[in-house]
Amino acid sequence: KYHHHHKRLIEKLIDYHLSVFLDDSVLLHYEETWDSCHGTAARPQHAPRPQPPPRPQPPPRPQPPPRPQPPPRPQPPPRPQP
């Protein structure tokens, strides 16, 4: 009796962790691992997970001020023709 309760507790805990912390690829991996150990029939059914709220976009970085252009080099005077 205690063991069964304990097992339910673990399944609930796993469900909670899956629903809160893990993304789909990890969930898929967990299910595949479960299938290979226990078979598909024994897989606990997960409640559909609520969609996480969209993450707020970080504010755009301020652009650095443009570098001042160096002044143009003075042209050398033309060589006198011989």
Foldseek 3Di string as FASTA:
>chain_A
DVVVVVVVVVVVVVLVCCLPPDDDVVVVVVQVVCCVVPNNVPDDDHDDHDDDDDDDDDPDDDDDDDDDDDPDDDDDPDDDDD
